[in-house]
Amino acid sequence: MFMYEKKLQYPVRVTNRDVRMARNILNQYGGPDGEFSASMNYLTQRFCMPLNELKGLLTDIGTEELGHMEMIATIFRKLIEGASREELEAAGFDGYYANHTFCPFYTDASGVT
């Protein structure tokens, strides 16, 4: 069982809005090599492990990757905080904004899910 402490493991300090950087961060959230993909890979691979110790290890690693998503989502949200729709569109978030507004979603930097 896990205990959830309602604070990030590492504090996220973003001082300036940077919508273009948010695009790169979004790739780390849900892109092909992002945290979501990594967590799903570990959690799926655990079903093929012959030893329970290895299953447990992969479950722990996959769960840790899910925790990283929380930090990445927080960075993303802080980078776009206060941005206007026009700023988001100028950074290439026009289609993304239409579907998800300011919420992080599992896409790569090009908006591909």
N, C-alpha and C. Protein backbone atom coordinates (compact mmCIF):
# COMPACT_ATOMS: atom_id res chain seq x y z
N MET A 1 0.84 -1.17 0.00
CA MET A 1 0.00 0.00 0.00
C MET A 1 0.89 1.23 0.00
N PHE A 2 0.40 2.31 -0.54
CA PHE A 2 1.15 3.55 -0.64
C PHE A 2 0.54 4.61 0.25
N MET A 3 1.38 5.50 0.72
CA MET A 3 0.92 6.67 1.46
C MET A 3 1.17 7.87 0.57
N TYR A 4 0.14 8.63 0.31
CA TYR A 4 0.27 9.81 -0.55
C TYR A 4 0.41 11.04 0.32
N GLU A 5 1.54 11.72 0.17
CA GLU A 5 1.77 12.96 0.88
C GLU A 5 1.48 14.09 -0.09
N LYS A 6 0.61 14.99 0.25
CA LYS A 6 0.13 16.01 -0.70
C LYS A 6 1.13 17.13 -0.90
N LYS A 7 2.33 16.77 -1.31
CA LYS A 7 3.34 17.74 -1.72
C LYS A 7 4.27 17.03 -2.70
N LEU A 8 4.85 17.82 -3.58
CA LEU A 8 5.74 17.23 -4.56
C LEU A 8 7.05 16.80 -3.90
N GLN A 9 7.65 15.73 -4.42
CA GLN A 9 8.91 15.25 -3.87
C GLN A 9 10.00 16.31 -4.02
N TYR A 10 9.98 17.00 -5.15
CA TYR A 10 10.89 18.11 -5.40
C TYR A 10 10.06 19.34 -5.71
N PRO A 11 10.33 20.45 -5.06
CA PRO A 11 9.51 21.65 -5.34
C PRO A 11 9.71 22.13 -6.77
N VAL A 12 8.64 22.59 -7.37
CA VAL A 12 8.68 23.12 -8.74
C VAL A 12 8.65 24.63 -8.63
N ARG A 13 9.73 25.25 -9.07
CA ARG A 13 9.82 26.71 -9.02
C ARG A 13 9.89 27.25 -10.43
N VAL A 14 8.82 27.85 -10.87
CA VAL A 14 8.76 28.50 -12.17
C VAL A 14 8.42 29.96 -11.90
N THR A 15 9.29 30.87 -12.34
CA THR A 15 9.07 32.28 -12.04
C THR A 15 8.49 33.06 -13.20
N ASN A 16 8.69 32.60 -14.43
CA ASN A 16 8.21 33.33 -15.60
C ASN A 16 7.34 32.44 -16.47
N ARG A 17 6.35 33.04 -17.08
CA ARG A 17 5.53 32.32 -18.05
C ARG A 17 6.37 32.10 -19.30
N ASP A 18 6.33 30.89 -19.84
CA ASP A 18 7.07 30.57 -21.06
C ASP A 18 6.28 29.50 -21.81
N VAL A 19 5.39 29.95 -22.66
CA VAL A 19 4.47 29.05 -23.34
C VAL A 19 5.23 28.14 -24.32
N ARG A 20 6.28 28.65 -24.93
CA ARG A 20 7.07 27.81 -25.84
C ARG A 20 7.77 26.67 -25.10
N MET A 21 8.30 26.96 -23.92
CA MET A 21 8.93 25.91 -23.11
C MET A 21 7.87 24.90 -22.66
N ALA A 22 6.67 25.36 -22.39
CA ALA A 22 5.59 24.46 -21.98
C ALA A 22 5.35 23.39 -23.04
N ARG A 23 5.53 23.75 -24.29
CA ARG A 23 5.37 22.78 -25.39
C ARG A 23 6.38 21.64 -25.25
N ASN A 24 7.62 21.98 -24.91
CA ASN A 24 8.64 20.94 -24.70
C ASN A 24 8.34 20.10 -23.47
N ILE A 25 7.88 20.75 -22.43
CA ILE A 25 7.55 20.04 -21.20
C ILE A 25 6.39 19.07 -21.44
N LEU A 26 5.43 19.49 -22.24
CA LEU A 26 4.29 18.62 -22.55
C LEU A 26 4.76 17.33 -23.24
N ASN A 27 5.79 17.43 -24.06
CA ASN A 27 6.36 16.26 -24.71
C ASN A 27 6.90 15.28 -23.66
N GLN A 28 7.50 15.80 -22.60
CA GLN A 28 8.03 14.94 -21.54
C GLN A 28 6.90 14.32 -20.71
N TYR A 29 5.75 14.94 -20.74
CA TYR A 29 4.58 14.42 -20.01
C TYR A 29 3.97 13.23 -20.73
N GLY A 30 3.63 13.43 -22.02
CA GLY A 30 2.89 12.38 -22.71
C GLY A 30 3.47 11.95 -24.04
N GLY A 31 4.66 12.41 -24.38
CA GLY A 31 5.27 12.03 -25.65
C GLY A 31 5.74 10.58 -25.64
N PRO A 32 6.31 10.12 -26.75
CA PRO A 32 6.70 8.72 -26.87
C PRO A 32 7.75 8.27 -25.85
N ASP A 33 8.57 9.19 -25.39
CA ASP A 33 9.57 8.88 -24.37
C ASP A 33 9.27 9.58 -23.06
N GLY A 34 8.04 10.01 -22.86
CA GLY A 34 7.64 10.75 -21.68
C GLY A 34 7.33 9.85 -20.50
N GLU A 35 6.95 10.49 -19.43
CA GLU A 35 6.68 9.79 -18.17
C GLU A 35 5.49 8.84 -18.27
N PHE A 36 4.45 9.24 -18.98
CA PHE A 36 3.29 8.36 -19.11
C PHE A 36 3.66 7.07 -19.85
N SER A 37 4.40 7.22 -20.95
CA SER A 37 4.83 6.05 -21.71
C SER A 37 5.72 5.14 -20.87
N ALA A 38 6.66 5.74 -20.14
CA ALA A 38 7.55 4.95 -19.30
C ALA A 38 6.78 4.19 -18.23
N SER A 39 5.85 4.86 -17.57
CA SER A 39 5.10 4.19 -16.52
C SER A 39 4.28 3.03 -17.07
N MET A 40 3.64 3.24 -18.21
CA MET A 40 2.85 2.16 -18.80
C MET A 40 3.72 0.99 -19.25
N ASN A 41 4.92 1.29 -19.76
CA ASN A 41 5.84 0.22 -20.15
C ASN A 41 6.22 -0.65 -18.96
N TYR A 42 6.62 -0.02 -17.86
CA TYR A 42 6.99 -0.79 -16.67
C TYR A 42 5.81 -1.57 -16.11
N LEU A 43 4.65 -0.93 -16.04
CA LEU A 43 3.49 -1.60 -15.46
C LEU A 43 2.96 -2.72 -16.35
N THR A 44 3.20 -2.64 -17.64
CA THR A 44 2.80 -3.71 -18.56
C THR A 44 3.80 -4.86 -18.53
N GLN A 45 5.09 -4.52 -18.47
CA GLN A 45 6.13 -5.56 -18.48
C GLN A 45 6.07 -6.44 -17.24
N ARG A 46 5.52 -5.93 -16.19
CA ARG A 46 5.48 -6.71 -14.95
C ARG A 46 4.70 -8.02 -15.11
N PHE A 47 3.75 -8.04 -16.05
CA PHE A 47 2.94 -9.24 -16.22
C PHE A 47 3.71 -10.39 -16.85
N CYS A 48 4.87 -10.10 -17.45
CA CYS A 48 5.68 -11.14 -18.09
C CYS A 48 6.79 -11.65 -17.17
N MET A 49 6.93 -11.08 -16.01
CA MET A 49 8.03 -11.46 -15.12
C MET A 49 7.72 -12.77 -14.41
N PRO A 50 8.68 -13.70 -14.44
CA PRO A 50 8.43 -15.00 -13.81
C PRO A 50 8.55 -14.98 -12.28
N LEU A 51 9.30 -14.01 -11.73
CA LEU A 51 9.51 -13.97 -10.28
C LEU A 51 8.72 -12.82 -9.66
N ASN A 52 8.10 -13.09 -8.53
CA ASN A 52 7.30 -12.07 -7.85
C ASN A 52 8.13 -10.85 -7.45
N GLU A 53 9.41 -11.08 -7.10
CA GLU A 53 10.27 -9.96 -6.73
C GLU A 53 10.44 -9.00 -7.90
N LEU A 54 10.57 -9.54 -9.10
CA LEU A 54 10.72 -8.70 -10.29
C LEU A 54 9.41 -8.00 -10.63
N LYS A 55 8.30 -8.69 -10.45
CA LYS A 55 7.00 -8.04 -10.65
C LYS A 55 6.86 -6.84 -9.71
N GLY A 56 7.23 -7.04 -8.45
CA GLY A 56 7.14 -5.97 -7.47
C GLY A 56 8.06 -4.81 -7.82
N LEU A 57 9.26 -5.12 -8.29
CA LEU A 57 10.21 -4.07 -8.67
C LEU A 57 9.66 -3.23 -9.82
N LEU A 58 9.13 -3.90 -10.85
CA LEU A 58 8.58 -3.16 -11.99
C LEU A 58 7.34 -2.37 -11.60
N THR A 59 6.55 -2.88 -10.69
CA THR A 59 5.39 -2.13 -10.20
C THR A 59 5.85 -0.87 -9.47
N ASP A 60 6.88 -1.00 -8.65
CA ASP A 60 7.40 0.16 -7.94
C ASP A 60 7.98 1.20 -8.89
N ILE A 61 8.71 0.76 -9.90
CA ILE A 61 9.30 1.70 -10.87
C ILE A 61 8.20 2.39 -11.66
N GLY A 62 7.21 1.63 -12.11
CA GLY A 62 6.10 2.21 -12.86
C GLY A 62 5.33 3.22 -12.04
N THR A 63 5.15 2.94 -10.77
CA THR A 63 4.45 3.86 -9.88
C THR A 63 5.28 5.14 -9.67
N GLU A 64 6.59 4.98 -9.56
CA GLU A 64 7.47 6.15 -9.44
C GLU A 64 7.37 7.04 -10.67
N GLU A 65 7.30 6.44 -11.84
CA GLU A 65 7.15 7.20 -13.08
C GLU A 65 5.84 7.98 -13.08
N LEU A 66 4.79 7.40 -12.54
CA LEU A 66 3.53 8.12 -12.43
C LEU A 66 3.68 9.33 -11.52
N GLY A 67 4.48 9.20 -10.48
CA GLY A 67 4.75 10.34 -9.61
C GLY A 67 5.49 11.45 -10.34
N HIS A 68 6.35 11.09 -11.27
CA HIS A 68 7.05 12.10 -12.06
C HIS A 68 6.07 12.90 -12.90
N MET A 69 5.00 12.26 -13.32
CA MET A 69 4.00 12.97 -14.12
C MET A 69 3.42 14.15 -13.35
N GLU A 70 3.26 13.99 -12.05
CA GLU A 70 2.72 15.08 -11.25
C GLU A 70 3.64 16.30 -11.28
N MET A 71 4.94 16.06 -11.21
CA MET A 71 5.89 17.17 -11.28
C MET A 71 5.88 17.82 -12.66
N ILE A 72 5.85 17.01 -13.71
CA ILE A 72 5.85 17.54 -15.07
C ILE A 72 4.57 18.34 -15.32
N ALA A 73 3.44 17.82 -14.86
CA ALA A 73 2.16 18.54 -15.03
C ALA A 73 2.18 19.87 -14.29
N THR A 74 2.80 19.90 -13.12
CA THR A 74 2.90 21.14 -12.35
C THR A 74 3.76 22.16 -13.09
N ILE A 75 4.89 21.71 -13.64
CA ILE A 75 5.75 22.60 -14.42
C ILE A 75 4.98 23.16 -15.61
N PHE A 76 4.28 22.29 -16.33
CA PHE A 76 3.50 22.71 -17.49
C PHE A 76 2.49 23.78 -17.10
N ARG A 77 1.76 23.50 -16.05
CA ARG A 77 0.70 24.42 -15.62
C ARG A 77 1.27 25.78 -15.23
N LYS A 78 2.41 25.78 -14.55
CA LYS A 78 3.02 27.04 -14.14
C LYS A 78 3.59 27.81 -15.33
N LEU A 79 4.08 27.11 -16.33
CA LEU A 79 4.63 27.78 -17.51
C LEU A 79 3.56 28.48 -18.34
N ILE A 80 2.33 27.98 -18.29
CA ILE A 80 1.27 28.61 -19.10
C ILE A 80 0.31 29.43 -18.25
N GLU A 81 0.56 29.49 -16.96
CA GLU A 81 -0.34 30.21 -16.06
C GLU A 81 -0.45 31.68 -16.48
N GLY A 82 -1.67 32.13 -16.68
CA GLY A 82 -1.93 33.52 -17.05
C GLY A 82 -1.78 33.81 -18.54
N ALA A 83 -1.46 32.80 -19.33
CA ALA A 83 -1.30 33.02 -20.78
C ALA A 83 -2.66 33.24 -21.42
N SER A 84 -2.68 34.13 -22.38
CA SER A 84 -3.92 34.37 -23.11
C SER A 84 -4.07 33.31 -24.20
N ARG A 85 -5.25 33.20 -24.72
CA ARG A 85 -5.48 32.26 -25.83
C ARG A 85 -4.60 32.61 -27.01
N GLU A 86 -4.39 33.90 -27.24
CA GLU A 86 -3.55 34.34 -28.36
C GLU A 86 -2.10 33.90 -28.17
N GLU A 87 -1.60 33.98 -26.94
CA GLU A 87 -0.23 33.53 -26.67
C GLU A 87 -0.10 32.02 -26.91
N LEU A 88 -1.10 31.28 -26.48
CA LEU A 88 -1.08 29.83 -26.69
C LEU A 88 -1.12 29.50 -28.18
N GLU A 89 -1.95 30.21 -28.92
CA GLU A 89 -2.03 29.97 -30.36
C GLU A 89 -0.71 30.31 -31.04
N ALA A 90 -0.07 31.41 -30.63
CA ALA A 90 1.21 31.81 -31.23
C ALA A 90 2.30 30.77 -30.97
N ALA A 91 2.21 30.05 -29.87
CA ALA A 91 3.19 29.01 -29.55
C ALA A 91 2.84 27.68 -30.17
N GLY A 92 1.76 27.62 -30.93
CA GLY A 92 1.37 26.38 -31.59
C GLY A 92 0.41 25.52 -30.80
N PHE A 93 -0.20 26.08 -29.78
CA PHE A 93 -1.15 25.34 -28.96
C PHE A 93 -2.59 25.55 -29.39
N ASP A 94 -2.83 26.04 -30.60
CA ASP A 94 -4.20 26.37 -30.99
C ASP A 94 -5.12 25.15 -30.95
N GLY A 95 -4.77 24.07 -31.60
CA GLY A 95 -5.60 22.86 -31.56
C GLY A 95 -5.64 22.23 -30.19
N TYR A 96 -4.50 22.26 -29.51
CA TYR A 96 -4.43 21.71 -28.16
C TYR A 96 -5.37 22.47 -27.23
N TYR A 97 -5.30 23.80 -27.30
CA TYR A 97 -6.16 24.63 -26.44
C TYR A 97 -7.63 24.37 -26.72
N ALA A 98 -7.98 24.19 -27.98
CA ALA A 98 -9.38 23.95 -28.34
C ALA A 98 -9.90 22.68 -27.67
N ASN A 99 -9.05 21.68 -27.50
CA ASN A 99 -9.48 20.41 -26.92
C ASN A 99 -9.28 20.30 -25.41
N HIS A 100 -8.23 20.95 -24.87
CA HIS A 100 -7.85 20.70 -23.48
C HIS A 100 -7.70 21.95 -22.62
N THR A 101 -7.89 23.12 -23.17
CA THR A 101 -7.67 24.41 -22.50
C THR A 101 -6.31 24.41 -21.81
N PHE A 102 -6.26 24.63 -20.50
CA PHE A 102 -4.98 24.75 -19.80
C PHE A 102 -4.54 23.46 -19.12
N CYS A 103 -5.26 22.38 -19.30
CA CYS A 103 -4.94 21.13 -18.62
C CYS A 103 -3.90 20.32 -19.39
N PRO A 104 -2.93 19.72 -18.67
CA PRO A 104 -1.99 18.84 -19.38
C PRO A 104 -2.71 17.60 -19.88
N PHE A 105 -2.33 17.14 -21.03
CA PHE A 105 -2.93 15.95 -21.63
C PHE A 105 -1.84 15.13 -22.27
N TYR A 106 -2.07 13.85 -22.43
CA TYR A 106 -1.04 12.92 -22.92
C TYR A 106 -0.82 13.09 -24.42
N THR A 107 -0.06 14.10 -24.78
CA THR A 107 0.29 14.31 -26.18
C THR A 107 1.78 14.58 -26.28
N ASP A 108 2.30 14.49 -27.48
CA ASP A 108 3.68 14.94 -27.67
C ASP A 108 3.66 16.43 -28.02
N ALA A 109 4.82 17.00 -28.31
CA ALA A 109 4.91 18.43 -28.55
C ALA A 109 4.14 18.86 -29.79
N SER A 110 3.84 17.94 -30.68
CA SER A 110 3.08 18.26 -31.88
C SER A 110 1.59 18.09 -31.68
N GLY A 111 1.19 17.65 -30.51
CA GLY A 111 -0.22 17.47 -30.23
C GLY A 111 -0.75 16.09 -30.59
N VAL A 112 0.15 15.17 -30.93
CA VAL A 112 -0.26 13.82 -31.30
C VAL A 112 -0.46 12.98 -30.04
N THR A 113 -1.62 12.35 -29.93
CA THR A 113 -1.91 11.54 -28.75
C THR A 113 -1.54 10.09 -29.00
